[in-house]
C-alpha cells in the first residue's frame, strides 16, 4: 500500500506551501514597527510554552492504553479508566475554568503542570483505584490545557495592544507547530520505550511540564477576567451560562466546537479499526500505524498553513472559512461509509485531518472575538462539557458508527447556518440533541 509514498508527498506539499506562502503573510502583521517586534517576542514566548506542554501531552498518548494493558487489565476496566478521565474533564472543567478567571490564569497554568505531572507519576502504579485518581487528575488537566493557556494568551495579546489579525497568526502557527511536536513526540516516545520501558514516556512528560512551569514563572505575568476578582466562582458560572443562552454567536461557536470535536474524537477511535477492517488479511505485513499517524500530523500542518493564508492575505471572512471547513469535513467522513477500499479510506481520513488544521486556529480566533474577557476560560470549559459526555457515552456503549453518522449530519446542517446569525433554530435543535 502507498502509505510511505503518500507521507512523502504530504511533506513535499507542506514544504511547497511554506515556500509559496512565506511572502504572503506580510498583510497580517507589520513586522517593521516596534509593536511588531514586541508581538514577535510575545508570540515566541507563548508558543515555546504551548509546545512544551503539548509535547508532554503527546508523549503519553500512544502508550496510555498499552501501559494499562501491560498491567493485565481487561478491556472493560480500561474503558472505565478512560471514561473516568472524560467525565472528570466534563464535571470539574467548568469549575476550574471559572476559578481560573477569578484567581488568575497564570496560577492555573502552573496548576496544570502540577496536576498533569502527578497524573503521569500515578500511572506508574498498577493499582486500579490509584489509576482512577490519576485519570481524574488527567481529566482536570486536559480541561486546563485546552482553555486556560489560550485564555491567558488572548487576554495578554489584547492588553498589549496587538491587533486581532495577528491573533489568527498566533493560532495558525500554534496548530502548525503542534503537528511537528506530535511527530517528534511520537518518535521520541517510541525511542524511549525501546530503551527504557513502557513507563519512560510518562516520566519524560513530567520533564516537559517542569520546563514549561519554569518558563511560565520567569516570563509570564498574571491576568484575570476583568470583573472576576469581584465575583465568586458560582457567579462566574451563571454569567457564562447566561452569555451562552443569550448571545447567538457564542451559542453557535459552542455548538460547533462540541459537535466538531466530538466527531474528531470519534474519528480517533475509529480510523485504526476501520483501516484494519479493509486491510488485506493475506498481506503478512501489519498496517504502518506510525507512518499513518505522521501523515495525519503533516495534514494538520497543511491545514494550518491554508488557514493562515485564507484569513490573512486572502482576507476571507471567518464564517466563510468555517462553512468550507465543515463542508469538506462532512464529505470526508460521509464517503467512507460507502467505500470498501483501504487506501481510499486513508485518503479521506487525511483530508479530514487537513480540516482539523483549519479548524483549530479558526475556532480559537472565533472564541477570542466573541467571548468577553472576564469569563473566557469559564465559557471555554463549558463548551467541553457536552463533548466529554458524548465521548464518555461512546466509550461505554460502543456504538461508534451510529454516533459518527449523527455527527456527520449535524456538521452538514451547520454548513447552512452562518456562524453569526441571529436565527437560533438550528442551535436549539443542537441543544435538544445534546441534552
Protein backbone atom coordinates (compact mmCIF):
# COMPACT_ATOMS: atom_id res chain seq x y z
CA UNK A 1 0.00 0.00 0.00
CA UNK A 2 1.16 3.53 -0.80
CA UNK A 3 1.41 4.89 2.75
CA UNK A 4 5.09 5.80 2.57
CA UNK A 5 4.67 7.49 -0.81
CA UNK A 6 1.68 9.47 0.47
CA UNK A 7 3.63 10.58 3.55
CA UNK A 8 6.49 11.82 1.35
CA UNK A 9 4.02 13.59 -0.95
CA UNK A 10 2.40 15.34 2.02
CA UNK A 11 5.80 16.52 3.27
CA UNK A 12 6.64 17.87 -0.19
CA UNK A 13 3.27 19.62 -0.40
CA UNK A 14 3.78 21.14 3.06
CA UNK A 15 7.24 22.38 2.06
CA UNK A 16 5.87 23.89 -1.16
CA UNK A 17 3.15 25.71 0.80
CA UNK A 18 5.69 27.09 3.27
CA UNK A 19 7.84 28.37 0.39
CA UNK A 20 4.88 29.72 -1.60
CA UNK A 21 3.21 31.45 1.33
CA UNK A 22 6.31 32.83 3.03
CA UNK A 23 6.00 36.26 1.39
CA UNK A 24 2.21 36.40 1.52
CA UNK A 25 1.90 36.86 5.28
CA UNK A 26 3.10 40.47 5.33
CA UNK A 27 -0.52 41.63 5.23
CA UNK A 28 -1.48 40.43 8.70
CA UNK A 29 1.30 41.97 10.79
CA UNK A 30 3.57 44.95 10.31
CA UNK A 31 6.85 43.43 11.36
CA UNK A 32 8.87 46.62 10.83
CA UNK A 33 7.29 48.51 13.71
CA UNK A 34 8.31 48.31 17.38
CA UNK A 35 4.85 46.92 18.01
CA UNK A 36 5.59 44.13 15.54
CA UNK A 37 8.89 43.30 17.29
CA UNK A 38 7.09 43.15 20.60
CA UNK A 39 4.49 40.88 19.10
CA UNK A 40 7.16 38.53 17.74
CA UNK A 41 8.69 38.12 21.19
CA UNK A 42 5.29 37.65 22.82
CA UNK A 43 4.25 35.03 20.26
CA UNK A 44 7.58 33.18 20.57
CA UNK A 45 7.31 33.10 24.35
CA UNK A 46 3.75 31.74 24.28
CA UNK A 47 4.49 29.16 21.59
CA UNK A 48 7.53 27.81 23.44
CA UNK A 49 5.38 27.10 26.50
CA UNK A 50 2.50 25.78 24.39
CA UNK A 51 4.78 23.36 22.53
CA UNK A 52 6.36 22.16 25.79
CA UNK A 53 3.01 21.28 27.37
CA UNK A 54 1.70 19.75 24.15
CA UNK A 55 4.88 17.63 23.90
CA UNK A 56 4.17 16.32 27.39
CA UNK A 57 0.61 15.51 26.34
CA UNK A 58 1.59 13.84 23.04
CA UNK A 59 4.30 11.71 24.68
CA UNK A 60 1.68 9.86 26.70
CA UNK A 61 -0.95 9.35 24.02
CA UNK A 62 0.42 6.28 22.18
CA UNK A 63 1.11 4.32 25.37
CA UNK A 64 -1.74 5.00 27.81
CA UNK A 65 -3.74 2.02 26.56
CA UNK A 66 -0.58 -0.08 26.27
CA UNK A 67 0.55 0.53 29.84
CA UNK A 68 -2.91 -0.28 31.20
CA UNK A 69 -2.91 -3.47 29.17
CA UNK A 70 0.57 -4.35 30.47
CA UNK A 71 -0.87 -4.29 34.00
CA UNK A 72 -3.25 -7.06 32.99
CA UNK A 73 -6.50 -5.06 32.99
CA UNK A 74 -9.47 -6.25 30.94
CA UNK A 75 -10.81 -4.08 28.12
CA UNK A 76 -13.85 -3.19 30.24
CA UNK A 77 -11.60 -1.97 33.07
CA UNK A 78 -9.51 0.10 30.66
CA UNK A 79 -12.73 1.61 29.28
CA UNK A 80 -13.72 2.62 32.84
CA UNK A 81 -10.38 4.38 33.27
CA UNK A 82 -10.85 6.31 30.02
CA UNK A 83 -14.47 7.18 30.82
CA UNK A 84 -13.38 8.46 34.24
CA UNK A 85 -10.98 10.86 32.53
CA UNK A 86 -13.61 12.27 30.19
CA UNK A 87 -16.22 12.58 32.96
CA UNK A 88 -13.67 14.29 35.19
CA UNK A 89 -12.94 16.81 32.47
CA UNK A 90 -16.65 17.45 31.93
CA UNK A 91 -17.56 17.73 35.61
CA UNK A 92 -14.61 19.65 37.04
CA UNK A 93 -13.76 21.63 33.90
CA UNK A 94 -16.49 24.22 34.41
CA UNK A 95 -15.44 24.92 37.99
CA UNK A 96 -11.76 25.03 37.06
CA UNK A 97 -12.36 27.48 34.20
CA UNK A 98 -14.37 29.83 36.40
CA UNK A 99 -11.76 29.65 39.16
CA UNK A 100 -9.00 30.46 36.65
CA UNK A 101 -10.85 33.60 35.54
CA UNK A 102 -11.21 34.67 39.17
CA UNK A 103 -7.87 33.72 40.75
CA UNK A 104 -5.57 34.12 37.74
CA UNK A 105 -4.79 32.24 34.53
CA UNK A 106 -1.05 32.06 35.18
CA UNK A 107 -1.64 30.33 38.52
CA UNK A 108 -3.85 27.75 36.85
CA UNK A 109 -1.37 27.16 34.04
CA UNK A 110 1.11 26.29 36.78
CA UNK A 111 -1.55 24.17 38.47
CA UNK A 112 -1.91 22.31 35.17
CA UNK A 113 1.78 21.38 35.17
CA UNK A 114 1.47 20.10 38.75
CA UNK A 115 -1.71 18.08 38.17
CA UNK A 116 -0.61 16.55 34.88
CA UNK A 117 2.82 15.68 36.30
CA UNK A 118 1.05 13.99 39.21
CA UNK A 119 -1.16 12.05 36.79
CA UNK A 120 1.93 10.89 34.88
CA UNK A 121 3.57 9.74 38.11
CA UNK A 122 0.43 7.95 39.31
CA UNK A 123 0.18 5.93 36.09
CA UNK A 124 3.32 4.09 37.18
CA UNK A 125 1.15 2.31 39.76
CA UNK A 126 -0.65 -0.89 38.74
CA UNK A 127 -3.39 -0.41 41.35
CA UNK A 128 -6.71 0.16 39.58
CA UNK A 129 -8.12 2.57 42.18
CA UNK A 130 -4.95 4.66 42.29
CA UNK A 131 -5.08 4.80 38.50
CA UNK A 132 -8.64 6.11 38.75
CA UNK A 133 -7.31 9.04 40.79
CA UNK A 134 -4.74 9.62 38.08
CA UNK A 135 -7.45 9.68 35.41
CA UNK A 136 -9.40 12.24 37.43
CA UNK A 137 -6.31 14.46 37.62
CA UNK A 138 -5.67 13.86 33.91
CA UNK A 139 -9.22 14.92 33.04
CA UNK A 140 -8.89 18.15 35.02
CA UNK A 141 -5.52 18.77 33.38
CA UNK A 142 -6.99 18.32 29.91
CA UNK A 143 -9.63 20.97 30.64
CA UNK A 144 -6.90 23.36 31.77
CA UNK A 145 -4.70 22.59 28.78
CA UNK A 146 -7.36 23.49 26.23
CA UNK A 147 -8.77 26.57 27.93
CA UNK A 148 -6.54 28.39 30.41
CA UNK A 149 -3.42 28.72 28.24
CA UNK A 150 -5.50 30.19 25.41
CA UNK A 151 -7.36 32.49 27.83
CA UNK A 152 -4.07 33.84 29.20
CA UNK A 153 -2.64 34.39 25.73
CA UNK A 154 -5.72 36.13 24.30
CA UNK A 155 -6.03 38.43 27.31
CA UNK A 156 -2.35 39.33 27.20
CA UNK A 157 -2.48 39.78 23.43
CA UNK A 158 -5.14 42.46 23.59
CA UNK A 159 -3.81 44.09 26.77
CA UNK A 160 -0.53 44.74 24.91
CA UNK A 161 -2.41 46.42 22.07
CA UNK A 162 -1.82 43.81 19.38
CA UNK A 163 -4.33 43.54 16.54
CA UNK A 164 -6.98 40.84 16.16
CA UNK A 165 -5.50 39.91 12.77
CA UNK A 166 -2.21 38.94 14.40
CA UNK A 167 -4.14 36.69 16.79
CA UNK A 168 -5.10 34.48 13.86
CA UNK A 169 -1.41 34.28 13.00
CA UNK A 170 -0.59 33.03 16.50
CA UNK A 171 -3.29 30.35 16.39
CA UNK A 172 -2.16 29.25 12.94
CA UNK A 173 1.46 28.87 14.00
CA UNK A 174 0.42 27.07 17.17
CA UNK A 175 -1.51 24.49 15.14
CA UNK A 176 1.32 24.11 12.61
CA UNK A 177 3.93 23.69 15.32
CA UNK A 178 1.72 21.28 17.23
CA UNK A 179 1.84 18.94 14.25
CA UNK A 180 5.64 18.99 14.34
CA UNK A 181 5.61 18.46 18.09
CA UNK A 182 3.28 15.48 17.72
CA UNK A 183 5.59 13.81 15.17
CA UNK A 184 8.66 14.48 17.33
CA UNK A 185 6.90 13.26 20.47
CA UNK A 186 5.75 10.05 18.80
CA UNK A 187 9.27 9.25 17.59
CA UNK A 188 10.80 10.21 20.95
CA UNK A 189 8.28 8.12 22.88
CA UNK A 190 8.97 5.13 20.66
CA UNK A 191 12.73 5.54 21.24
CA UNK A 192 12.20 5.80 24.99
CA UNK A 193 10.05 2.68 25.17
CA UNK A 194 12.55 0.64 23.18
CA UNK A 195 15.39 1.58 25.52
CA UNK A 196 13.85 2.29 28.91
CA UNK A 197 10.48 0.57 29.05
CA UNK A 198 6.85 1.47 28.62
CA UNK A 199 6.73 3.85 31.60
CA UNK A 200 9.52 6.10 30.31
CA UNK A 201 7.36 8.42 28.10
CA UNK A 202 5.32 9.38 31.17
CA UNK A 203 8.44 10.28 33.14
CA UNK A 204 9.73 12.27 30.16
CA UNK A 205 6.40 14.13 30.00
CA UNK A 206 6.94 15.28 33.59
CA UNK A 207 10.24 16.80 32.46
CA UNK A 208 8.50 18.81 29.73
CA UNK A 209 5.86 20.05 32.19
CA UNK A 210 8.58 21.16 34.64
CA UNK A 211 10.35 23.09 31.87
CA UNK A 212 7.08 24.77 30.91
CA UNK A 213 6.42 25.72 34.53
CA UNK A 214 9.86 27.29 34.84
CA UNK A 215 9.37 29.42 31.72
CA UNK A 216 5.90 30.49 32.92
CA UNK A 217 7.25 31.53 36.32
CA UNK A 218 10.10 33.52 34.78
CA UNK A 219 8.34 35.22 31.84
CA UNK A 220 4.56 35.42 32.37
CA UNK A 221 2.65 37.99 34.36
CA UNK A 222 -0.74 37.26 35.90
CA UNK A 223 -4.02 38.19 34.24
CA UNK A 224 -7.64 37.76 35.26
CA UNK A 225 -11.12 38.08 33.90
CA UNK A 226 -11.84 41.81 34.07
CA UNK A 227 -14.62 41.51 36.67
CA UNK A 228 -13.81 38.06 38.01
CA UNK A 229 -11.86 39.17 41.08
CA UNK A 230 -15.04 40.84 42.40
CA UNK A 231 -17.32 37.81 41.91
CA UNK A 232 -17.30 34.26 43.20
CA UNK A 233 -16.90 31.13 41.13
CA UNK A 234 -20.62 30.34 41.11
CA UNK A 235 -21.49 33.84 39.87
CA UNK A 236 -18.92 33.49 37.10
CA UNK A 237 -20.50 30.21 36.06
CA UNK A 238 -24.00 31.70 36.00
CA UNK A 239 -22.76 34.67 34.00
CA UNK A 240 -21.14 32.35 31.46
CA UNK A 241 -24.31 30.27 31.10
CA UNK A 242 -26.34 33.44 30.60
CA UNK A 243 -23.96 34.62 27.86
CA UNK A 244 -24.20 31.28 26.06
CA UNK A 245 -28.01 31.41 26.29
CA UNK A 246 -28.43 34.99 25.08
CA UNK A 247 -25.59 35.55 22.62
CA UNK A 248 -26.22 33.71 19.35
CA UNK A 249 -22.56 33.99 18.31
CA UNK A 250 -21.30 32.34 21.49
CA UNK A 251 -24.00 29.67 21.28
CA UNK A 252 -23.06 28.96 17.67
CA UNK A 253 -19.37 28.67 18.48
CA UNK A 254 -20.09 26.41 21.45
CA UNK A 255 -22.34 24.11 19.42
CA UNK A 256 -19.83 23.88 16.60
CA UNK A 257 -16.92 23.22 18.96
CA UNK A 258 -18.74 20.47 20.84
CA UNK A 259 -20.01 18.73 17.72
CA UNK A 260 -16.91 19.01 15.57
CA UNK A 261 -14.55 17.94 18.33
CA UNK A 262 -16.88 15.06 19.24
CA UNK A 263 -16.63 13.96 15.61
CA UNK A 264 -12.87 14.31 15.85
CA UNK A 265 -12.60 12.17 18.97
CA UNK A 266 -14.86 9.54 17.42
CA UNK A 267 -12.58 9.60 14.39
CA UNK A 268 -9.60 9.00 16.68
CA UNK A 269 -11.31 5.88 18.00
CA UNK A 270 -12.42 4.72 14.56
CA UNK A 271 -9.70 5.27 12.00
CA UNK A 272 -7.45 2.38 13.04
CA UNK A 273 -10.15 -0.33 13.24
CA UNK A 274 -11.74 0.91 10.02
CA UNK A 275 -8.45 0.69 8.13
CA UNK A 276 -7.78 -2.70 9.67
CA UNK A 277 -11.19 -3.95 8.58
CA UNK A 278 -10.24 -3.21 4.95
CA UNK A 279 -6.64 -4.39 5.25
CA UNK A 280 -5.77 -7.38 3.08
CA UNK A 281 -5.54 -10.29 5.52
CA UNK A 282 -3.45 -12.22 3.01
CA UNK A 283 -0.81 -9.50 3.35
CA UNK A 284 1.50 -10.60 6.14
CA UNK A 285 2.65 -7.04 6.92
CA UNK A 286 0.73 -5.02 9.51
CA UNK A 287 -0.59 -1.54 8.91
CA UNK A 288 2.16 1.10 9.39
CA UNK A 289 0.32 3.00 12.14
CA UNK A 290 3.32 5.22 12.85
CA UNK A 291 3.52 6.29 9.21
CA UNK A 292 -0.25 6.85 9.07
CA UNK A 293 -0.21 8.96 12.24
CA UNK A 294 2.71 11.03 10.92
CA UNK A 295 0.78 11.59 7.67
CA UNK A 296 -2.20 12.85 9.66
CA UNK A 297 0.02 15.28 11.56
CA UNK A 298 1.52 16.67 8.34
CA UNK A 299 -2.03 17.06 7.01
CA UNK A 300 -2.89 19.15 10.08
CA UNK A 301 0.16 21.31 9.38
CA UNK A 302 -1.03 21.81 5.80
CA UNK A 303 -4.46 22.86 7.09
CA UNK A 304 -2.93 25.42 9.43
CA UNK A 305 -0.88 26.89 6.58
CA UNK A 306 -4.01 27.18 4.45
CA UNK A 307 -5.87 28.88 7.30
CA UNK A 308 -3.10 31.44 7.72
CA UNK A 309 -3.28 32.27 4.00
CA UNK A 310 -7.09 32.34 3.81
CA UNK A 311 -7.56 34.54 6.90
CA UNK A 312 -4.53 36.75 6.20
CA UNK A 313 -3.54 37.71 2.66
CA UNK A 314 -6.79 36.48 1.07
CA UNK A 315 -8.86 38.17 3.82
CA UNK A 316 -11.67 35.59 3.65
CA UNK A 317 -14.20 36.01 6.45
CA UNK A 318 -14.12 33.54 9.33
CA UNK A 319 -17.72 32.33 8.78
CA UNK A 320 -16.87 31.55 5.14
CA UNK A 321 -13.75 29.62 6.19
CA UNK A 322 -15.86 27.79 8.77
CA UNK A 323 -18.54 26.80 6.27
CA UNK A 324 -15.97 25.49 3.81
CA UNK A 325 -14.07 23.62 6.53
CA UNK A 326 -17.14 21.86 7.90
CA UNK A 327 -18.46 21.03 4.44
CA UNK A 328 -15.19 19.35 3.45
CA UNK A 329 -15.01 17.59 6.84
CA UNK A 330 -18.54 16.25 6.38
CA UNK A 331 -17.82 14.94 2.90
CA UNK A 332 -14.56 13.33 4.04
CA UNK A 333 -16.47 11.37 6.71
CA UNK A 334 -19.62 10.60 4.73
CA UNK A 335 -17.93 8.97 1.74
CA UNK A 336 -16.02 6.36 3.80
CA UNK A 337 -19.40 4.95 4.84
CA UNK A 338 -19.87 3.77 1.25
CA UNK A 339 -16.27 2.85 0.37
CA UNK A 340 -14.66 -0.52 0.93
CA UNK A 341 -11.11 0.27 -0.07
CA UNK A 342 -8.28 0.67 2.40
CA UNK A 343 -6.27 3.34 0.61
CA UNK A 344 -9.35 5.39 -0.34
CA UNK A 345 -10.34 5.43 3.34
CA UNK A 346 -6.86 6.64 4.21
CA UNK A 347 -7.08 9.49 1.67
CA UNK A 348 -10.44 10.68 3.01
CA UNK A 349 -9.16 10.43 6.59
CA UNK A 350 -6.15 12.52 5.59
CA UNK A 351 -8.47 15.16 4.10
CA UNK A 352 -10.37 15.23 7.39
CA UNK A 353 -7.09 15.89 9.20
CA UNK A 354 -6.47 18.86 6.88
CA UNK A 355 -9.80 20.29 8.08
CA UNK A 356 -8.58 19.80 11.67
CA UNK A 357 -5.62 22.01 10.81
CA UNK A 358 -8.06 24.64 9.55
CA UNK A 359 -10.43 24.18 12.48
CA UNK A 360 -8.19 24.80 15.49
CA UNK A 361 -6.90 28.29 14.61
CA UNK A 362 -10.36 29.14 13.27
CA UNK A 363 -12.25 28.22 16.45
CA UNK A 364 -9.60 29.85 18.63
CA UNK A 365 -9.96 33.14 16.75
CA UNK A 366 -13.76 32.97 16.85
CA UNK A 367 -13.72 32.37 20.60
CA UNK A 368 -11.36 35.31 21.11
CA UNK A 369 -13.64 37.63 19.14
CA UNK A 370 -16.97 36.52 20.63
CA UNK A 371 -16.28 35.70 24.29
CA UNK A 372 -15.74 38.52 26.76
CA UNK A 373 -12.52 38.74 28.74
CA UNK A 374 -13.98 38.21 32.22
CA UNK A 375 -15.43 34.74 31.54
CA UNK A 376 -13.25 33.43 28.70
CA UNK A 377 -11.87 30.36 30.50
CA UNK A 378 -15.25 29.61 32.09
CA UNK A 379 -17.09 29.60 28.76
CA UNK A 380 -14.29 27.65 27.09
CA UNK A 381 -14.66 24.84 29.62
CA UNK A 382 -18.46 24.87 29.43
CA UNK A 383 -18.10 24.17 25.70
CA UNK A 384 -16.20 20.99 26.59
CA UNK A 385 -18.91 19.56 28.84
CA UNK A 386 -21.13 18.09 26.09
CA UNK A 387 -18.02 16.97 24.21
CA UNK A 388 -16.74 14.95 27.17
CA UNK A 389 -20.16 13.50 27.94
CA UNK A 390 -20.60 12.41 24.33
CA UNK A 391 -17.21 10.71 24.19
CA UNK A 392 -17.81 9.00 27.54
CA UNK A 393 -21.17 7.74 26.26
CA UNK A 394 -19.49 6.29 23.19
CA UNK A 395 -16.81 4.51 25.21
CA UNK A 396 -19.47 2.97 27.44
CA UNK A 397 -21.84 1.81 24.73
CA UNK A 398 -19.51 1.02 21.79
CA UNK A 399 -21.93 2.37 19.18
CA UNK A 400 -19.34 4.17 17.10
CA UNK A 401 -20.84 4.03 13.64
CA UNK A 402 -24.26 5.34 14.69
CA UNK A 403 -22.85 8.27 16.62
CA UNK A 404 -20.42 9.07 13.83
CA UNK A 405 -23.29 9.26 11.35
CA UNK A 406 -25.26 11.55 13.67
CA UNK A 407 -22.41 14.00 13.97
CA UNK A 408 -21.72 13.96 10.28
CA UNK A 409 -25.30 15.09 9.75
CA UNK A 410 -25.01 17.83 12.38
CA UNK A 411 -21.85 19.10 10.71
CA UNK A 412 -23.68 19.25 7.38
CA UNK A 413 -26.52 21.17 9.00
CA UNK A 414 -24.06 23.75 10.24
CA UNK A 415 -22.88 24.45 6.72
CA UNK A 416 -26.26 26.03 6.04
CA UNK A 417 -26.12 28.22 9.14
CA UNK A 418 -23.88 31.28 9.33
CA UNK A 419 -21.78 31.39 12.48
CA UNK A 420 -23.01 34.86 13.36
CA UNK A 421 -26.69 34.53 12.51
CA UNK A 422 -29.41 35.65 14.90
CA UNK A 423 -31.60 32.72 13.93
CA UNK A 424 -31.09 30.18 16.69
CA UNK A 425 -33.39 27.43 15.38
CA UNK A 426 -30.61 25.08 14.35
CA UNK A 427 -28.76 25.60 17.62
CA UNK A 428 -31.93 24.89 19.58
CA UNK A 429 -32.01 21.56 17.76
CA UNK A 430 -28.38 21.05 18.80
CA UNK A 431 -29.36 21.73 22.41
CA UNK A 432 -32.21 19.22 22.20
CA UNK A 433 -29.81 16.62 20.83
CA UNK A 434 -27.14 17.30 23.45
CA UNK A 435 -29.42 17.39 26.46
